[in-house]
């Protein structure tokens, strides 16, 4: 099971690969849409890559609840537990 920092770093890598957003910009308090300017199509790709990287399942109905980086980190940590 990965800790918060490992999950954050992994998400930052995925987001950087998909959108070009710098890893340093991916902080727990950032909103995917407002702060990081990630659209719904990119978000779905990020979700699929996160599922593969962290070995978790993120149901489509949960994706809409992942509005901040913290939400995603918390969901992944809980799913791994």
Protein backbone atom coordinates (compact mmCIF):
# COMPACT_ATOMS: atom_id res chain seq x y z
CA UNK A 1 0.00 0.00 0.00
CA UNK A 2 1.37 3.38 -1.02
CA UNK A 3 1.39 6.34 1.34
CA UNK A 4 0.00 9.80 0.55
CA UNK A 5 3.29 11.13 -0.80
CA UNK A 6 3.83 8.10 -3.06
CA UNK A 7 0.30 8.37 -4.43
CA UNK A 8 0.70 12.12 -4.94
CA UNK A 9 4.00 11.62 -6.77
CA UNK A 10 2.49 8.89 -8.94
CA UNK A 11 -0.52 11.04 -9.81
CA UNK A 12 1.76 13.98 -10.58
CA UNK A 13 3.69 11.78 -13.04
CA UNK A 14 0.49 10.61 -14.73
CA UNK A 15 -0.94 14.15 -14.92
CA UNK A 16 2.34 15.49 -16.32
CA UNK A 17 2.44 12.78 -19.01
CA UNK A 18 -1.19 13.39 -20.00
CA UNK A 19 -1.42 17.18 -19.81
CA UNK A 20 2.09 18.62 -19.51
CA UNK A 21 1.27 20.16 -16.11
CA UNK A 22 4.48 20.33 -14.05
CA UNK A 23 4.68 17.74 -11.26
CA UNK A 24 5.35 20.51 -8.72
CA UNK A 25 1.99 22.10 -9.60
CA UNK A 26 0.10 18.95 -8.60
CA UNK A 27 -0.61 19.65 -4.92
CA UNK A 28 -3.22 18.10 -2.62
CA UNK A 29 -5.31 21.28 -2.45
CA UNK A 30 -5.49 21.77 -6.23
CA UNK A 31 -8.71 21.28 -8.19
CA UNK A 32 -8.33 19.20 -11.35
CA UNK A 33 -10.53 21.53 -13.41
CA UNK A 34 -10.06 24.93 -11.77
CA UNK A 35 -6.34 24.89 -10.88
CA UNK A 36 -4.83 22.28 -13.20
CA UNK A 37 -7.14 22.93 -16.18
CA UNK A 38 -7.80 19.23 -16.80
CA UNK A 39 -10.79 18.48 -19.05
CA UNK A 40 -13.07 15.46 -18.71
CA UNK A 41 -11.37 13.52 -21.51
CA UNK A 42 -7.92 13.95 -19.97
CA UNK A 43 -9.39 13.10 -16.56
CA UNK A 44 -10.66 9.75 -17.87
CA UNK A 45 -7.20 8.93 -19.24
CA UNK A 46 -5.64 9.94 -15.91
CA UNK A 47 -8.12 7.69 -14.07
CA UNK A 48 -7.33 4.69 -16.31
CA UNK A 49 -3.58 5.22 -15.86
CA UNK A 50 -4.01 5.64 -12.08
CA UNK A 51 -6.00 2.39 -11.92
CA UNK A 52 -3.15 0.58 -13.68
CA UNK A 53 -0.38 2.23 -11.68
CA UNK A 54 -1.96 1.73 -8.24
CA UNK A 55 -3.85 -1.52 -8.88
CA UNK A 56 -7.23 -0.06 -7.93
CA UNK A 57 -10.63 0.28 -9.57
CA UNK A 58 -12.19 3.75 -9.80
CA UNK A 59 -15.84 3.37 -10.88
CA UNK A 60 -17.10 5.93 -13.41
CA UNK A 61 -19.69 7.21 -10.92
CA UNK A 62 -16.86 7.98 -8.46
CA UNK A 63 -14.82 10.02 -10.93
CA UNK A 64 -17.20 12.99 -10.69
CA UNK A 65 -16.53 13.08 -6.92
CA UNK A 66 -12.77 13.41 -7.49
CA UNK A 67 -12.63 17.19 -7.79
CA UNK A 68 -9.30 17.80 -6.05
CA UNK A 69 -5.98 16.00 -6.00
CA UNK A 70 -6.67 15.23 -2.31
CA UNK A 71 -9.93 13.47 -3.27
CA UNK A 72 -8.07 11.25 -5.72
CA UNK A 73 -5.24 10.47 -3.28
CA UNK A 74 -7.74 9.61 -0.52
CA UNK A 75 -9.79 7.39 -2.86
CA UNK A 76 -6.71 5.49 -4.08
CA UNK A 77 -5.39 5.03 -0.52
CA UNK A 78 -8.76 3.71 0.65
CA UNK A 79 -9.10 1.42 -2.38
CA UNK A 80 -5.66 -0.07 -1.67
CA UNK A 81 -6.42 -0.71 2.02
